[in-house]
Amino acid sequence: MRDFDGVSVATVVASPTSASPHSGGHMPDFPELSFLPLSTATWPLLEDLFGPERGADSGCWCMWWRVSRSRFNAMGKDARKAALQELSASDESPGILAVRDGQAIGWCAVARRSAYPVLTRSRVAAPIEDLSPEKIWFISCLYVRVGFRRHGLSGPLIRAAVDHALARGALCIEACPTTSATTSAEGFVGSSATFADLGFVEIARRSPKRPLMRWTRTSGLVEAARGA
């Protein structure tokens, strides 16, 4: 463990923990990479990663799934930024930062499904069953700094996001990635191949390019079903 501005940080280990998604494939090593939950202390790292004015992709500030489309459009960049900054100060972090040499080089947004009301109305990502949305977590966005893209960072970021969710009581983690992306804007949901390599399985497909995928702790789901 080491300390980063008062936040205790675990350096990433190359192999996943027993609770983490796993794969027979190979994930690249990032020996000096650490993962930090977004918080008031780490907000400056995210702001630097996204660009204080740019806000990642077109000023989204990871609000796309959190508010209605009409509200998203009405908010504007500054209001979206303020909304995410407010979430960073809450008890439940809205995502994970990948940090190397004091600089954030990647971001993965992950939260309970209930934090993403737009998902319920989404044609491609709507839930398929009545498990408590508080127990289903969802990976909604991946963002990697220019210069570090196409180097396999998405896999370690997803692993860290799953560990983050499991530590907070998740029974399963879902995502709705793309099978192919021609632009970085299309790729913000991640690659289905990367999720599959990490143990996510397809549970529904309402669009040719957007499978709904899930990683589970099977015993937890069985226990939940028995208690229902």
Protein backbone atom coordinates (compact mmCIF):
# COMPACT_ATOMS: atom_id res chain seq x y z
CA MET A 1 0.00 0.00 0.00
CA ARG A 2 1.09 3.59 -0.55
CA ASP A 3 -0.47 6.95 0.20
CA PHE A 4 -1.73 9.41 -2.38
CA ASP A 5 -2.84 12.76 -0.99
CA GLY A 6 -4.21 11.05 2.08
CA VAL A 7 -5.90 8.24 0.16
CA SER A 8 -4.65 4.70 0.71
CA VAL A 9 -3.90 3.10 -2.64
CA ALA A 10 -3.22 -0.50 -3.56
CA THR A 11 -0.73 -1.11 -6.35
CA VAL A 12 -2.18 -3.37 -9.00
CA VAL A 13 -1.03 -6.97 -9.01
CA ALA A 14 -0.68 -8.61 -12.40
CA SER A 15 -2.92 -11.57 -11.62
CA PRO A 16 -6.57 -11.03 -10.59
CA THR A 17 -7.80 -11.84 -7.10
CA SER A 18 -9.94 -14.89 -6.52
CA ALA A 19 -13.04 -12.68 -6.51
CA SER A 20 -12.12 -10.91 -9.73
CA PRO A 21 -13.16 -11.88 -13.25
CA HIS A 22 -10.60 -14.18 -14.80
CA SER A 23 -9.59 -15.35 -18.20
CA GLY A 24 -7.55 -17.96 -19.96
CA GLY A 25 -6.21 -15.16 -22.17
CA HIS A 26 -3.41 -12.75 -21.42
CA MET A 27 -3.79 -9.30 -19.93
CA PRO A 28 -0.86 -6.88 -20.13
CA ASP A 29 1.14 -5.90 -17.06
CA PHE A 30 1.14 -2.34 -15.74
CA PRO A 31 3.51 -2.78 -12.78
CA GLU A 32 3.43 0.87 -11.69
CA LEU A 33 -0.31 1.33 -12.10
CA SER A 34 -2.61 2.00 -9.15
CA PHE A 35 -6.38 2.32 -8.96
CA LEU A 36 -8.18 5.02 -6.99
CA PRO A 37 -11.89 5.59 -6.48
CA LEU A 38 -13.01 9.03 -7.57
CA SER A 39 -13.31 11.27 -4.52
CA THR A 40 -12.81 14.86 -3.50
CA ALA A 41 -9.09 14.11 -3.11
CA THR A 42 -8.76 12.54 -6.56
CA TRP A 43 -11.06 14.93 -8.44
CA PRO A 44 -8.10 16.99 -9.77
CA LEU A 45 -6.73 13.81 -11.40
CA LEU A 46 -10.00 13.21 -13.25
CA GLU A 47 -10.27 16.86 -14.23
CA ASP A 48 -6.79 16.69 -15.72
CA LEU A 49 -7.60 13.43 -17.53
CA PHE A 50 -10.86 14.69 -19.03
CA GLY A 51 -9.60 18.22 -19.66
CA PRO A 52 -11.04 20.98 -17.43
CA GLU A 53 -12.99 22.47 -20.36
CA ARG A 54 -13.33 19.46 -22.65
CA GLY A 55 -14.92 17.06 -20.18
CA ALA A 56 -13.79 13.85 -21.95
CA ASP A 57 -16.05 13.30 -24.97
CA SER A 58 -17.93 16.47 -25.97
CA GLY A 59 -18.38 17.65 -22.41
CA CYS A 60 -20.24 14.56 -21.24
CA TRP A 61 -18.59 14.37 -17.80
CA CYS A 62 -20.10 10.85 -17.46
CA MET A 63 -23.66 12.16 -17.13
CA TRP A 64 -25.03 10.44 -20.25
CA TRP A 65 -26.57 7.50 -18.39
CA ARG A 66 -27.36 9.35 -15.17
CA VAL A 67 -29.90 11.92 -16.37
CA SER A 68 -32.65 12.03 -18.98
CA ARG A 69 -31.66 13.03 -22.50
CA SER A 70 -33.62 16.28 -22.24
CA ARG A 71 -31.92 17.18 -18.98
CA PHE A 72 -28.51 16.18 -20.33
CA ASN A 73 -28.92 18.54 -23.27
CA ALA A 74 -30.25 21.34 -21.07
CA MET A 75 -27.46 21.09 -18.51
CA GLY A 76 -24.50 22.13 -20.61
CA LYS A 77 -20.87 21.23 -19.93
CA ASP A 78 -20.43 23.25 -16.76
CA ALA A 79 -23.51 21.80 -15.07
CA ARG A 80 -22.52 18.25 -16.01
CA LYS A 81 -19.05 18.83 -14.59
CA ALA A 82 -20.53 20.20 -11.37
CA ALA A 83 -22.85 17.19 -11.11
CA LEU A 84 -19.98 14.71 -11.40
CA GLN A 85 -17.88 16.69 -8.95
CA GLU A 86 -20.77 16.56 -6.47
CA LEU A 87 -20.95 12.78 -6.93
CA SER A 88 -17.21 12.54 -6.26
CA ALA A 89 -17.86 13.95 -2.79
CA SER A 90 -20.59 11.41 -2.02
CA ASP A 91 -20.19 8.24 0.03
CA GLU A 92 -20.33 6.03 -3.07
CA SER A 93 -17.67 6.80 -5.66
CA PRO A 94 -18.97 6.93 -9.25
CA GLY A 95 -15.90 5.26 -10.73
CA ILE A 96 -12.25 4.24 -10.71
CA LEU A 97 -9.14 6.03 -11.91
CA ALA A 98 -6.02 4.31 -13.22
CA VAL A 99 -3.04 6.31 -11.96
CA ARG A 100 0.58 6.11 -13.09
CA ASP A 101 3.36 8.37 -11.81
CA GLY A 102 0.83 10.70 -10.20
CA GLN A 103 -1.19 11.13 -13.39
CA ALA A 104 -4.57 9.58 -14.21
CA ILE A 105 -4.32 7.69 -17.49
CA GLY A 106 -7.66 5.91 -17.43
CA TRP A 107 -11.19 6.04 -16.03
CA CYS A 108 -13.97 3.49 -15.62
CA ALA A 109 -17.43 4.61 -14.54
CA VAL A 110 -19.19 1.96 -12.44
CA ALA A 111 -22.22 2.24 -10.19
CA ARG A 112 -25.38 0.49 -9.11
CA ARG A 113 -27.89 0.13 -11.94
CA SER A 114 -30.25 2.31 -9.92
CA ALA A 115 -27.80 5.19 -10.36
CA TYR A 116 -28.34 5.02 -14.13
CA PRO A 117 -32.10 5.55 -14.66
CA VAL A 118 -31.64 5.96 -18.41
CA LEU A 119 -30.56 2.30 -18.62
CA THR A 120 -34.06 1.18 -17.68
CA ARG A 121 -35.43 2.83 -20.82
CA SER A 122 -32.51 1.88 -23.05
CA ARG A 123 -33.31 -0.40 -25.96
CA VAL A 124 -29.94 -2.16 -25.75
CA ALA A 125 -29.11 -2.04 -22.03
CA ALA A 126 -32.44 -2.43 -20.22
CA PRO A 127 -32.41 -5.05 -17.41
CA ILE A 128 -33.62 -8.55 -18.24
CA GLU A 129 -34.84 -9.66 -14.80
CA ASP A 130 -36.04 -8.44 -11.44
CA LEU A 131 -32.90 -8.76 -9.35
CA SER A 132 -32.59 -5.75 -7.10
CA PRO A 133 -30.98 -2.89 -9.07
CA GLU A 134 -29.07 -2.14 -5.88
CA LYS A 135 -27.26 -5.47 -6.24
CA ILE A 136 -26.61 -5.19 -9.98
CA TRP A 137 -23.77 -2.83 -10.84
CA PHE A 138 -23.09 -1.49 -14.31
CA ILE A 139 -19.91 -0.42 -16.09
CA SER A 140 -21.07 2.45 -18.27
CA CYS A 141 -17.94 4.13 -19.60
CA LEU A 142 -14.23 3.68 -20.20
CA TYR A 143 -11.90 6.54 -21.03
CA VAL A 144 -8.15 6.29 -21.65
CA ARG A 145 -5.72 9.17 -22.03
CA VAL A 146 -4.32 9.80 -25.50
CA GLY A 147 -0.93 8.11 -25.71
CA PHE A 148 -2.08 5.11 -23.66
CA ARG A 149 -4.86 3.89 -25.94
CA ARG A 150 -4.64 0.51 -27.66
CA HIS A 151 -2.19 -0.71 -25.02
CA GLY A 152 -4.59 -3.03 -23.18
CA LEU A 153 -5.46 -0.70 -20.31
CA SER A 154 -9.20 -1.37 -20.55
CA GLY A 155 -8.82 -4.88 -19.13
CA PRO A 156 -7.12 -3.84 -15.88
CA LEU A 157 -9.58 -0.96 -15.53
CA ILE A 158 -12.55 -3.30 -15.84
CA ARG A 159 -11.00 -5.71 -13.33
CA ALA A 160 -10.56 -2.86 -10.86
CA ALA A 161 -14.15 -1.72 -11.41
CA VAL A 162 -15.44 -5.24 -10.71
CA ASP A 163 -13.40 -5.45 -7.51
CA HIS A 164 -14.75 -2.03 -6.50
CA ALA A 165 -18.35 -3.20 -7.03
CA LEU A 166 -17.88 -6.55 -5.29
CA ALA A 167 -16.40 -4.83 -2.24
CA ARG A 168 -19.61 -2.82 -2.03
CA GLY A 169 -21.99 -5.75 -2.14
CA ALA A 170 -22.60 -6.30 -5.84
CA LEU A 171 -23.97 -9.70 -6.82
CA CYS A 172 -23.23 -9.15 -10.48
CA ILE A 173 -21.75 -6.54 -12.78
CA GLU A 174 -23.15 -5.76 -16.22
CA ALA A 175 -22.01 -3.81 -19.26
CA CYS A 176 -23.28 -3.17 -22.77
CA PRO A 177 -20.09 -2.91 -24.84
CA THR A 178 -19.70 -2.81 -28.60
CA THR A 179 -18.51 -5.59 -30.88
CA SER A 180 -16.75 -3.01 -33.04
CA ALA A 181 -16.08 0.71 -32.82
CA THR A 182 -14.93 2.91 -35.67
CA THR A 183 -14.48 6.03 -33.52
CA SER A 184 -13.38 6.72 -29.95
CA ALA A 185 -16.87 8.11 -29.26
CA GLU A 186 -18.39 4.74 -30.19
CA GLY A 187 -15.83 2.90 -28.07
CA PHE A 188 -16.57 4.58 -24.74
CA VAL A 189 -18.65 1.54 -23.70
CA GLY A 190 -15.68 -0.79 -24.17
CA SER A 191 -15.04 -3.79 -26.39
CA SER A 192 -17.16 -6.92 -26.00
CA ALA A 193 -14.03 -9.02 -26.63
CA THR A 194 -12.27 -7.45 -23.65
CA PHE A 195 -15.25 -8.08 -21.38
CA ALA A 196 -15.49 -11.68 -22.62
CA ASP A 197 -11.79 -12.22 -21.89
CA LEU A 198 -12.52 -11.18 -18.30
CA GLY A 199 -15.35 -13.66 -17.78
CA PHE A 200 -18.38 -11.58 -18.79
CA VAL A 201 -21.00 -13.57 -20.69
CA GLU A 202 -23.66 -12.36 -23.09
CA ILE A 203 -27.15 -12.45 -21.56
CA ALA A 204 -29.11 -10.53 -24.20
CA ARG A 205 -28.63 -8.85 -27.56
CA ARG A 206 -31.11 -6.29 -28.81
CA SER A 207 -28.69 -4.75 -31.31
CA PRO A 208 -26.24 -6.49 -33.67
CA LYS A 209 -23.25 -4.59 -32.22
CA ARG A 210 -24.28 -4.15 -28.55
CA PRO A 211 -24.51 -7.32 -26.42
CA LEU A 212 -25.66 -6.98 -22.82
CA MET A 213 -23.02 -8.84 -20.79
CA ARG A 214 -22.75 -9.92 -17.18
CA TRP A 215 -20.16 -11.16 -14.69
CA THR A 216 -21.58 -12.96 -11.64
CA ARG A 217 -20.75 -14.36 -8.27
CA THR A 218 -22.92 -17.42 -8.86
CA SER A 219 -23.44 -18.43 -5.23
CA GLY A 220 -24.61 -14.93 -4.37
CA LEU A 221 -27.19 -15.01 -7.14
CA VAL A 222 -28.46 -18.44 -6.04
CA GLU A 223 -28.81 -17.24 -2.46
CA ALA A 224 -30.66 -14.14 -3.62
CA ALA A 225 -33.08 -16.24 -5.67
CA ARG A 226 -33.77 -18.57 -2.76
CA GLY A 227 -34.47 -15.65 -0.46
CA ALA A 228 -36.84 -13.95 -2.88
